[in-house]
Amino acid sequence: EYMRGISNPIGLKCGPSLDPDELLRLIDILNPSNQAGRLTLIVRMGAEKVRSGLPPLLRAV
């Protein structure tokens, strides 16, 4: 809720347990007007999990 009121760019860490639906919900909360450059997704999965964890998130966004 606090981050919703911040006007600076926001970085969102995306780990291996992040569900694609939850990612979309967070994007809607943090950048409801879809302002370019407002939100940066930072993938934090490690080399062994990125191959299975990243594609579902990319398909969602």
Protein backbone atom coordinates (compact mmCIF):
# COMPACT_ATOMS: atom_id res chain seq x y z
CA GLU A 1 0.00 0.00 0.00
CA TYR A 2 2.84 2.38 0.85
CA MET A 3 4.51 1.89 -2.56
CA ARG A 4 1.29 2.82 -4.38
CA GLY A 5 1.73 6.45 -3.29
CA ILE A 6 5.40 6.75 -4.31
CA SER A 7 5.92 8.65 -7.57
CA ASN A 8 9.55 7.53 -8.11
CA PRO A 9 10.35 4.51 -10.30
CA ILE A 10 9.92 1.20 -8.46
CA GLY A 11 11.95 -2.00 -8.74
CA LEU A 12 10.05 -5.24 -8.09
CA LYS A 13 12.08 -8.36 -7.30
CA CYS A 14 10.61 -11.48 -8.92
CA GLY A 15 11.69 -14.72 -7.24
CA PRO A 16 11.04 -18.37 -8.09
CA SER A 17 7.94 -18.56 -5.89
CA LEU A 18 6.17 -15.64 -7.62
CA ASP A 19 3.00 -16.76 -9.36
CA PRO A 20 2.18 -15.10 -12.73
CA ASP A 21 -1.26 -14.04 -11.47
CA GLU A 22 0.32 -12.46 -8.40
CA LEU A 23 2.80 -10.62 -10.63
CA LEU A 24 -0.06 -9.18 -12.69
CA ARG A 25 -1.87 -8.13 -9.51
CA LEU A 26 1.26 -6.36 -8.22
CA ILE A 27 1.79 -4.62 -11.56
CA ASP A 28 -1.81 -3.35 -11.49
CA ILE A 29 -1.35 -2.04 -7.94
CA LEU A 30 2.07 -0.44 -8.44
CA ASN A 31 1.54 0.98 -11.95
CA PRO A 32 -2.21 1.23 -12.57
CA SER A 33 -1.84 3.77 -15.41
CA ASN A 34 0.84 1.66 -17.16
CA GLN A 35 3.30 4.57 -17.14
CA ALA A 36 6.45 3.69 -19.10
CA GLY A 37 9.55 3.47 -16.91
CA ARG A 38 7.58 3.42 -13.66
CA LEU A 39 8.15 -0.25 -12.82
CA THR A 40 11.25 -2.38 -13.35
CA LEU A 41 11.02 -6.14 -12.83
CA ILE A 42 14.19 -7.63 -11.31
CA VAL A 43 14.50 -11.39 -11.76
CA ARG A 44 16.09 -13.12 -8.75
CA MET A 45 15.83 -16.86 -9.38
CA GLY A 46 19.35 -18.20 -9.72
CA ALA A 47 20.75 -20.04 -12.71
CA GLU A 48 19.13 -23.37 -11.85
CA LYS A 49 15.56 -21.99 -11.56
CA VAL A 50 15.44 -19.25 -14.19
CA ARG A 51 14.79 -21.64 -17.09
CA SER A 52 11.58 -22.95 -15.51
CA GLY A 53 10.53 -19.87 -13.53
CA LEU A 54 10.99 -16.98 -15.94
CA PRO A 55 8.95 -18.07 -19.02
CA PRO A 56 5.58 -18.17 -17.17
CA LEU A 57 6.19 -14.65 -15.86
CA LEU A 58 7.15 -13.36 -19.31
CA ARG A 59 4.04 -14.90 -20.87
CA ALA A 60 1.88 -13.23 -18.22
CA VAL A 61 3.19 -9.73 -18.89
